[in-house]
Every structure is written in structure tokens, then in C-alpha cells.
Amino acid sequence: MKEFSIGPTQHAFVADGILKIEHIAVGVGVILYAPARKQAAGVHILSAHSTLEAPTYPGQFANVAIPALLRQLEQNGVAPPYCAAIAGGARMEGFPPDSRFGEKLVAAVKEELTKASVDLKVEQTGGSKMRVMEFDSRSGEVQVAFEDI
């Protein structure tokens, strides 16, 4: 089965295969999926908001990336309802302890999911470890695990 890996600010649609987002730390991995169709779109978001209408990297910003994923699902014939899985928002070394950057990013992602009426089914956020997410089109399920580096 083909595997599609997503890096920071990247996004992809998978109809047949495994959608994988690795090295999720302070950023937030988001997988939007249609359980009945067993298809998904995913993105690795690094920032909460863009003030630009068309940023260079739309996958970077929660307020641009979530609507883009929804369009990508619709353009591939996948109709709502959609479910969401999110992971990340960790506190990592190199960030000031009081910055709460990861928490703010998780909040921005959740805000966009709520605006789009997408049910959040899987959430593994916070802490201080990196994660990996996988969507398997055979089962239509999302798995989140801590990543050993």
C-alpha cells in the first residue's frame, strides 16, 4: 500500500493508501476524514493565523489550511460529514516556557474545525514529546503515537 508523508506546511489527499504526518511537535497535525468513504486529507500546521488572502505556504496557517483541506475533500468527491484528528501543540526546548505557543496553535485549529462544523474525534495534544499520525484507507481509522527520535 502506498504511503503519503506530509512535512511541515504540506498537505495531501489520500483515497487509497496511508497518510502519514511525522515529527509533529509544537505544530499541529490535522487529518480530516470521511469514515464511510475511508478517504482523508491532512496537513502539518505551524502557525495560527495569516492576514494574507493567499499566503505562500497555505498549509502553514490554521485559518487557511483547514478551509483548504475541506475544499480538497470536496474536489475529490468526498462529501460531509467529516471527522477530525489532531496531534501536537507540545512544549519543546527552545521555546520560552510561558509562550504557550503550542496551546495557542491547538486552540486556533479547534476554532477553525468548529467554524466548519467538523467533529473532533481524535485529539492528542500538549505534553513535551513529538508525535506521528497515520490514516489508513483500508480501515478508515487514524492512529496517533509518540515518536521515538
N, C-alpha and C. Protein backbone atom coordinates (compact mmCIF):
# COMPACT_ATOMS: atom_id res chain seq x y z
N MET A 1 0.85 -1.18 0.00
CA MET A 1 0.00 0.00 0.00
C MET A 1 0.89 1.24 0.00
N LYS A 2 0.55 2.20 -0.82
CA LYS A 2 1.35 3.41 -0.95
C LYS A 2 1.22 4.29 0.29
N GLU A 3 2.33 4.91 0.69
CA GLU A 3 2.35 5.81 1.84
C GLU A 3 2.64 7.23 1.37
N PHE A 4 1.84 8.16 1.87
CA PHE A 4 2.00 9.58 1.56
C PHE A 4 2.45 10.28 2.83
N SER A 5 3.67 10.82 2.83
CA SER A 5 4.19 11.52 4.01
C SER A 5 4.06 13.02 3.82
N ILE A 6 3.63 13.68 4.88
CA ILE A 6 3.42 15.13 4.85
C ILE A 6 4.43 15.78 5.78
N GLY A 7 5.14 16.77 5.27
CA GLY A 7 6.06 17.55 6.09
C GLY A 7 5.41 18.85 6.53
N PRO A 8 6.14 19.64 7.30
CA PRO A 8 5.60 20.93 7.76
C PRO A 8 5.10 21.80 6.61
N THR A 9 3.92 22.36 6.77
CA THR A 9 3.19 23.24 5.84
C THR A 9 2.67 22.51 4.60
N GLN A 10 2.89 21.21 4.50
CA GLN A 10 2.40 20.45 3.34
C GLN A 10 1.02 19.87 3.63
N HIS A 11 0.30 19.55 2.57
CA HIS A 11 -0.99 18.90 2.71
C HIS A 11 -1.17 17.90 1.59
N ALA A 12 -2.03 16.90 1.82
CA ALA A 12 -2.25 15.87 0.81
C ALA A 12 -3.61 15.24 1.01
N PHE A 13 -4.13 14.65 -0.08
CA PHE A 13 -5.37 13.89 -0.07
C PHE A 13 -5.03 12.43 -0.34
N VAL A 14 -5.69 11.51 0.37
CA VAL A 14 -5.47 10.08 0.16
C VAL A 14 -6.80 9.36 0.00
N ALA A 15 -6.95 8.69 -1.14
CA ALA A 15 -8.13 7.86 -1.38
C ALA A 15 -7.78 6.40 -1.18
N ASP A 16 -6.51 6.04 -1.39
CA ASP A 16 -6.08 4.65 -1.27
C ASP A 16 -4.63 4.65 -0.81
N GLY A 17 -4.40 4.31 0.44
CA GLY A 17 -3.05 4.29 0.96
C GLY A 17 -3.01 4.75 2.40
N ILE A 18 -1.80 5.11 2.83
CA ILE A 18 -1.59 5.58 4.19
C ILE A 18 -1.12 7.03 4.14
N LEU A 19 -1.80 7.88 4.88
CA LEU A 19 -1.45 9.29 5.02
C LEU A 19 -0.71 9.43 6.33
N LYS A 20 0.53 9.90 6.28
CA LYS A 20 1.38 9.95 7.48
C LYS A 20 1.93 11.35 7.70
N ILE A 21 1.80 11.83 8.94
CA ILE A 21 2.38 13.11 9.34
C ILE A 21 3.34 12.81 10.47
N GLU A 22 4.62 13.06 10.24
CA GLU A 22 5.65 12.76 11.24
C GLU A 22 6.22 14.05 11.82
N HIS A 23 6.98 13.86 12.88
CA HIS A 23 7.73 14.96 13.53
C HIS A 23 6.82 16.10 13.95
N ILE A 24 5.67 15.77 14.52
CA ILE A 24 4.74 16.80 14.99
C ILE A 24 5.15 17.16 16.42
N ALA A 25 5.54 18.39 16.62
CA ALA A 25 5.98 18.85 17.94
C ALA A 25 5.12 20.03 18.37
N VAL A 26 5.65 21.24 18.21
CA VAL A 26 4.91 22.46 18.55
C VAL A 26 3.78 22.68 17.54
N GLY A 27 4.01 22.30 16.30
CA GLY A 27 2.99 22.41 15.27
C GLY A 27 1.85 21.45 15.54
N VAL A 28 0.84 21.47 14.67
CA VAL A 28 -0.33 20.59 14.84
C VAL A 28 -0.59 19.84 13.54
N GLY A 29 -0.62 18.53 13.65
CA GLY A 29 -1.04 17.69 12.53
C GLY A 29 -2.55 17.59 12.54
N VAL A 30 -3.15 17.74 11.37
CA VAL A 30 -4.61 17.66 11.25
C VAL A 30 -4.94 16.69 10.13
N ILE A 31 -5.81 15.73 10.44
CA ILE A 31 -6.33 14.83 9.42
C ILE A 31 -7.85 14.95 9.44
N LEU A 32 -8.41 15.36 8.30
CA LEU A 32 -9.85 15.40 8.12
C LEU A 32 -10.22 14.18 7.30
N TYR A 33 -11.20 13.42 7.78
CA TYR A 33 -11.52 12.17 7.09
C TYR A 33 -13.02 11.91 7.08
N ALA A 34 -13.42 11.12 6.11
CA ALA A 34 -14.80 10.68 5.97
C ALA A 34 -14.81 9.18 6.25
N PRO A 35 -15.22 8.78 7.46
CA PRO A 35 -15.14 7.35 7.82
C PRO A 35 -15.86 6.43 6.85
N ALA A 36 -17.01 6.84 6.35
CA ALA A 36 -17.77 5.98 5.43
C ALA A 36 -17.04 5.78 4.11
N ARG A 37 -16.35 6.80 3.64
CA ARG A 37 -15.63 6.71 2.36
C ARG A 37 -14.20 6.22 2.52
N LYS A 38 -13.68 6.28 3.76
CA LYS A 38 -12.30 5.88 4.07
C LYS A 38 -11.29 6.68 3.23
N GLN A 39 -11.55 7.98 3.15
CA GLN A 39 -10.65 8.89 2.46
C GLN A 39 -10.35 10.07 3.37
N ALA A 40 -9.18 10.70 3.17
CA ALA A 40 -8.76 11.75 4.09
C ALA A 40 -7.87 12.78 3.41
N ALA A 41 -7.77 13.92 4.07
CA ALA A 41 -6.80 14.96 3.69
C ALA A 41 -6.10 15.38 4.98
N GLY A 42 -4.82 15.68 4.88
CA GLY A 42 -4.06 16.05 6.07
C GLY A 42 -3.12 17.20 5.81
N VAL A 43 -2.72 17.84 6.92
CA VAL A 43 -1.83 18.99 6.86
C VAL A 43 -1.04 19.07 8.16
N HIS A 44 0.15 19.66 8.08
CA HIS A 44 1.00 19.89 9.25
C HIS A 44 1.11 21.42 9.41
N ILE A 45 0.32 21.96 10.35
CA ILE A 45 0.18 23.41 10.53
C ILE A 45 1.23 23.93 11.53
N LEU A 46 1.80 25.09 11.22
CA LEU A 46 2.83 25.67 12.08
C LEU A 46 2.45 27.01 12.70
N SER A 47 1.43 27.67 12.20
CA SER A 47 1.04 28.99 12.71
C SER A 47 -0.48 29.10 12.78
N ALA A 48 -0.95 29.99 13.65
CA ALA A 48 -2.39 30.11 13.86
C ALA A 48 -3.10 30.86 12.75
N HIS A 49 -2.63 32.06 12.43
CA HIS A 49 -3.39 32.91 11.52
C HIS A 49 -2.49 33.61 10.51
N SER A 50 -3.01 33.74 9.30
CA SER A 50 -2.38 34.55 8.26
C SER A 50 -3.31 35.71 7.97
N THR A 51 -2.73 36.86 7.79
CA THR A 51 -3.52 38.03 7.41
C THR A 51 -3.58 38.18 5.89
N LEU A 52 -2.80 37.36 5.18
CA LEU A 52 -2.79 37.40 3.72
C LEU A 52 -3.90 36.53 3.16
N GLU A 53 -4.52 36.95 2.08
CA GLU A 53 -5.56 36.14 1.44
C GLU A 53 -4.98 34.89 0.80
N ALA A 54 -3.79 35.00 0.23
CA ALA A 54 -3.15 33.87 -0.43
C ALA A 54 -1.69 33.79 0.01
N PRO A 55 -1.43 33.24 1.20
CA PRO A 55 -0.05 33.13 1.66
C PRO A 55 0.76 32.16 0.80
N THR A 56 2.07 32.33 0.79
CA THR A 56 2.95 31.48 0.01
C THR A 56 2.79 30.01 0.40
N TYR A 57 2.67 29.75 1.68
CA TYR A 57 2.50 28.38 2.19
C TYR A 57 1.16 28.28 2.92
N PRO A 58 0.07 28.01 2.21
CA PRO A 58 -1.25 27.98 2.85
C PRO A 58 -1.37 26.91 3.93
N GLY A 59 -0.58 25.84 3.83
CA GLY A 59 -0.62 24.81 4.85
C GLY A 59 -0.01 25.23 6.17
N GLN A 60 0.62 26.38 6.19
CA GLN A 60 1.27 26.86 7.41
C GLN A 60 0.27 27.38 8.43
N PHE A 61 -0.85 27.92 8.00
CA PHE A 61 -1.75 28.66 8.86
C PHE A 61 -3.07 27.95 9.07
N ALA A 62 -3.52 27.85 10.33
CA ALA A 62 -4.77 27.17 10.65
C ALA A 62 -5.96 27.78 9.91
N ASN A 63 -6.02 29.12 9.87
CA ASN A 63 -7.19 29.77 9.27
C ASN A 63 -7.24 29.64 7.75
N VAL A 64 -6.18 29.20 7.13
CA VAL A 64 -6.14 28.98 5.69
C VAL A 64 -6.13 27.48 5.38
N ALA A 65 -5.40 26.71 6.17
CA ALA A 65 -5.21 25.28 5.89
C ALA A 65 -6.49 24.46 6.07
N ILE A 66 -7.26 24.72 7.12
CA ILE A 66 -8.47 23.92 7.35
C ILE A 66 -9.47 24.11 6.21
N PRO A 67 -9.79 25.36 5.81
CA PRO A 67 -10.69 25.52 4.65
C PRO A 67 -10.12 24.89 3.37
N ALA A 68 -8.80 24.94 3.20
CA ALA A 68 -8.18 24.33 2.02
C ALA A 68 -8.36 22.80 2.03
N LEU A 69 -8.22 22.18 3.20
CA LEU A 69 -8.44 20.73 3.29
C LEU A 69 -9.88 20.37 2.96
N LEU A 70 -10.81 21.17 3.47
CA LEU A 70 -12.23 20.92 3.18
C LEU A 70 -12.51 21.00 1.68
N ARG A 71 -11.92 22.01 1.02
CA ARG A 71 -12.08 22.14 -0.44
C ARG A 71 -11.46 20.93 -1.15
N GLN A 72 -10.31 20.50 -0.67
CA GLN A 72 -9.63 19.36 -1.28
C GLN A 72 -10.48 18.09 -1.19
N LEU A 73 -11.11 17.88 -0.04
CA LEU A 73 -12.01 16.73 0.10
C LEU A 73 -13.18 16.84 -0.87
N GLU A 74 -13.80 18.01 -0.91
CA GLU A 74 -14.96 18.21 -1.79
C GLU A 74 -14.58 18.06 -3.26
N GLN A 75 -13.42 18.61 -3.66
CA GLN A 75 -12.98 18.50 -5.05
C GLN A 75 -12.70 17.05 -5.46
N ASN A 76 -12.44 16.20 -4.47
CA ASN A 76 -12.21 14.78 -4.74
C ASN A 76 -13.46 13.94 -4.54
N GLY A 77 -14.63 14.62 -4.45
CA GLY A 77 -15.90 13.92 -4.37
C GLY A 77 -16.27 13.37 -3.02
N VAL A 78 -15.58 13.84 -1.98
CA VAL A 78 -15.86 13.37 -0.62
C VAL A 78 -16.76 14.40 0.06
N ALA A 79 -18.00 14.01 0.31
CA ALA A 79 -18.99 14.92 0.90
C ALA A 79 -18.99 14.79 2.43
N PRO A 80 -19.43 15.85 3.11
CA PRO A 80 -19.57 15.78 4.57
C PRO A 80 -20.59 14.71 4.96
N PRO A 81 -20.58 14.26 6.19
CA PRO A 81 -19.86 14.81 7.33
C PRO A 81 -18.41 14.34 7.38
N TYR A 82 -17.57 15.18 7.98
CA TYR A 82 -16.16 14.88 8.17
C TYR A 82 -15.86 14.77 9.66
N CYS A 83 -14.83 14.01 9.95
CA CYS A 83 -14.30 13.92 11.30
C CYS A 83 -12.88 14.44 11.27
N ALA A 84 -12.36 14.81 12.45
CA ALA A 84 -11.00 15.34 12.53
C ALA A 84 -10.20 14.61 13.59
N ALA A 85 -8.90 14.52 13.33
CA ALA A 85 -7.93 14.06 14.30
C ALA A 85 -6.84 15.11 14.36
N ILE A 86 -6.43 15.48 15.56
CA ILE A 86 -5.35 16.45 15.70
C ILE A 86 -4.32 15.93 16.70
N ALA A 87 -3.07 16.33 16.48
CA ALA A 87 -1.99 15.96 17.40
C ALA A 87 -0.93 17.05 17.34
N GLY A 88 -0.26 17.26 18.46
CA GLY A 88 0.83 18.22 18.52
C GLY A 88 0.61 19.26 19.59
N GLY A 89 1.10 20.46 19.32
CA GLY A 89 0.98 21.53 20.30
C GLY A 89 1.82 21.30 21.53
N ALA A 90 2.93 20.60 21.37
CA ALA A 90 3.78 20.26 22.51
C ALA A 90 4.64 21.46 22.94
N ARG A 91 5.07 21.40 24.17
CA ARG A 91 6.06 22.38 24.66
C ARG A 91 7.43 21.76 24.41
N MET A 92 8.22 22.43 23.60
CA MET A 92 9.52 21.87 23.25
C MET A 92 10.64 22.80 23.70
N GLU A 93 11.84 22.24 23.82
CA GLU A 93 13.00 23.03 24.19
C GLU A 93 13.22 24.12 23.15
N GLY A 94 13.70 25.25 23.61
CA GLY A 94 13.96 26.36 22.71
C GLY A 94 12.85 27.38 22.67
N PHE A 95 11.70 27.03 23.21
CA PHE A 95 10.58 27.96 23.30
C PHE A 95 10.48 28.43 24.75
N PRO A 96 10.24 29.73 24.96
CA PRO A 96 10.08 30.20 26.33
C PRO A 96 8.95 29.44 27.03
N PRO A 97 9.14 29.04 28.30
CA PRO A 97 8.13 28.24 28.99
C PRO A 97 6.76 28.91 29.08
N ASP A 98 6.73 30.23 29.10
CA ASP A 98 5.46 30.95 29.23
C ASP A 98 4.85 31.34 27.88
N SER A 99 5.44 30.89 26.76
CA SER A 99 4.94 31.32 25.45
C SER A 99 3.60 30.68 25.10
N ARG A 100 3.35 29.47 25.58
CA ARG A 100 2.11 28.74 25.30
C ARG A 100 1.83 28.66 23.79
N PHE A 101 2.87 28.69 22.97
CA PHE A 101 2.72 28.69 21.51
C PHE A 101 1.90 27.49 21.05
N GLY A 102 2.29 26.30 21.51
CA GLY A 102 1.57 25.09 21.09
C GLY A 102 0.11 25.11 21.50
N GLU A 103 -0.18 25.56 22.72
CA GLU A 103 -1.57 25.64 23.20
C GLU A 103 -2.38 26.60 22.34
N LYS A 104 -1.79 27.74 21.98
CA LYS A 104 -2.49 28.72 21.15
C LYS A 104 -2.76 28.17 19.76
N LEU A 105 -1.82 27.42 19.24
CA LEU A 105 -2.00 26.82 17.91
C LEU A 105 -3.11 25.77 17.94
N VAL A 106 -3.14 24.94 18.97
CA VAL A 106 -4.21 23.95 19.12
C VAL A 106 -5.56 24.65 19.19
N ALA A 107 -5.63 25.74 19.96
CA ALA A 107 -6.89 26.49 20.09
C ALA A 107 -7.33 27.05 18.74
N ALA A 108 -6.39 27.55 17.94
CA ALA A 108 -6.73 28.10 16.62
C ALA A 108 -7.25 27.00 15.69
N VAL A 109 -6.64 25.82 15.74
CA VAL A 109 -7.09 24.70 14.92
C VAL A 109 -8.50 24.29 15.33
N LYS A 110 -8.73 24.17 16.62
CA LYS A 110 -10.07 23.79 17.11
C LYS A 110 -11.11 24.83 16.71
N GLU A 111 -10.74 26.10 16.75
CA GLU A 111 -11.67 27.17 16.34
C GLU A 111 -12.08 27.00 14.89
N GLU A 112 -11.11 26.70 14.02
CA GLU A 112 -11.41 26.51 12.60
C GLU A 112 -12.27 25.27 12.37
N LEU A 113 -12.02 24.21 13.12
CA LEU A 113 -12.83 22.99 12.99
C LEU A 113 -14.27 23.26 13.43
N THR A 114 -14.43 24.03 14.49
CA THR A 114 -15.77 24.38 14.97
C THR A 114 -16.51 25.22 13.94
N LYS A 115 -15.82 26.20 13.36
CA LYS A 115 -16.43 27.04 12.31
C LYS A 115 -16.94 26.20 11.15
N ALA A 116 -16.20 25.14 10.84
CA ALA A 116 -16.53 24.29 9.69
C ALA A 116 -17.47 23.14 10.08
N SER A 117 -17.89 23.09 11.32
CA SER A 117 -18.78 22.02 11.81
C SER A 117 -18.19 20.63 11.61
N VAL A 118 -16.90 20.50 11.89
CA VAL A 118 -16.21 19.22 11.80
C VAL A 118 -16.06 18.65 13.20
N ASP A 119 -16.49 17.40 13.38
CA ASP A 119 -16.40 16.74 14.69
C ASP A 119 -14.96 16.31 14.99
N LEU A 120 -14.45 16.73 16.13
CA LEU A 120 -13.12 16.32 16.58
C LEU A 120 -13.25 14.98 17.28
N LYS A 121 -12.71 13.92 16.65
CA LYS A 121 -12.85 12.56 17.17
C LYS A 121 -11.59 12.07 17.87
N VAL A 122 -10.42 12.54 17.43
CA VAL A 122 -9.16 12.09 18.00
C VAL A 122 -8.33 13.32 18.33
N GLU A 123 -7.87 13.40 19.59
CA GLU A 123 -7.01 14.51 19.99
C GLU A 123 -5.93 14.01 20.92
N GLN A 124 -4.68 14.30 20.56
CA GLN A 124 -3.56 14.02 21.43
C GLN A 124 -2.64 15.25 21.35
N THR A 125 -2.82 16.18 22.28
CA THR A 125 -2.11 17.45 22.23
C THR A 125 -1.43 17.74 23.58
N GLY A 126 -0.51 18.70 23.55
CA GLY A 126 0.20 19.11 24.75
C GLY A 126 1.39 18.19 25.03
N GLY A 127 1.84 18.24 26.27
CA GLY A 127 2.99 17.42 26.65
C GLY A 127 4.29 17.97 26.08
N SER A 128 5.29 17.11 26.00
CA SER A 128 6.60 17.56 25.53
C SER A 128 7.26 16.55 24.59
N LYS A 129 6.46 15.73 23.93
CA LYS A 129 7.01 14.73 23.01
C LYS A 129 6.48 14.92 21.61
N MET A 130 7.31 14.53 20.64
CA MET A 130 6.87 14.56 19.25
C MET A 130 5.94 13.39 18.99
N ARG A 131 5.11 13.57 17.96
CA ARG A 131 4.13 12.55 17.60
C ARG A 131 4.16 12.25 16.11
N VAL A 132 3.50 11.14 15.77
CA VAL A 132 3.29 10.76 14.39
C VAL A 132 1.82 10.37 14.27
N MET A 133 1.19 10.75 13.15
CA MET A 133 -0.21 10.41 12.88
C MET A 133 -0.26 9.59 11.60
N GLU A 134 -1.19 8.64 11.56
CA GLU A 134 -1.40 7.86 10.34
C GLU A 134 -2.88 7.63 10.12
N PHE A 135 -3.30 7.83 8.88
CA PHE A 135 -4.64 7.46 8.43
C PHE A 135 -4.47 6.31 7.45
N ASP A 136 -5.16 5.22 7.70
CA ASP A 136 -5.09 4.04 6.83
C ASP A 136 -6.42 3.92 6.08
N SER A 137 -6.38 4.03 4.76
CA SER A 137 -7.61 3.99 3.96
C SER A 137 -8.29 2.62 4.00
N ARG A 138 -7.56 1.57 4.34
CA ARG A 138 -8.20 0.24 4.43
C ARG A 138 -9.19 0.19 5.59
N SER A 139 -8.80 0.78 6.72
CA SER A 139 -9.66 0.73 7.91
C SER A 139 -10.47 2.00 8.09
N GLY A 140 -10.00 3.11 7.51
CA GLY A 140 -10.67 4.40 7.71
C GLY A 140 -10.41 4.98 9.08
N GLU A 141 -9.36 4.51 9.76
CA GLU A 141 -9.05 4.95 11.11
C GLU A 141 -7.76 5.75 11.17
N VAL A 142 -7.67 6.58 12.22
CA VAL A 142 -6.48 7.38 12.49
C VAL A 142 -5.80 6.87 13.75
N GLN A 143 -4.50 6.73 13.68
CA GLN A 143 -3.69 6.34 14.84
C GLN A 143 -2.71 7.48 15.15
N VAL A 144 -2.52 7.77 16.44
CA VAL A 144 -1.54 8.76 16.87
C VAL A 144 -0.62 8.08 17.87
N ALA A 145 0.68 8.27 17.71
CA ALA A 145 1.65 7.67 18.62
C ALA A 145 2.77 8.65 18.91
N PHE A 146 3.44 8.45 20.04
CA PHE A 146 4.62 9.25 20.33
C PHE A 146 5.73 8.77 19.42
N GLU A 147 6.56 9.68 18.99
CA GLU A 147 7.62 9.37 18.03
C GLU A 147 8.95 9.27 18.75
N ASP A 148 9.64 8.17 18.53
CA ASP A 148 10.98 8.00 19.08
C ASP A 148 11.98 8.59 18.09
N ILE A 149 12.81 9.48 18.60
CA ILE A 149 13.81 10.07 17.69
C ILE A 149 15.20 9.85 18.25
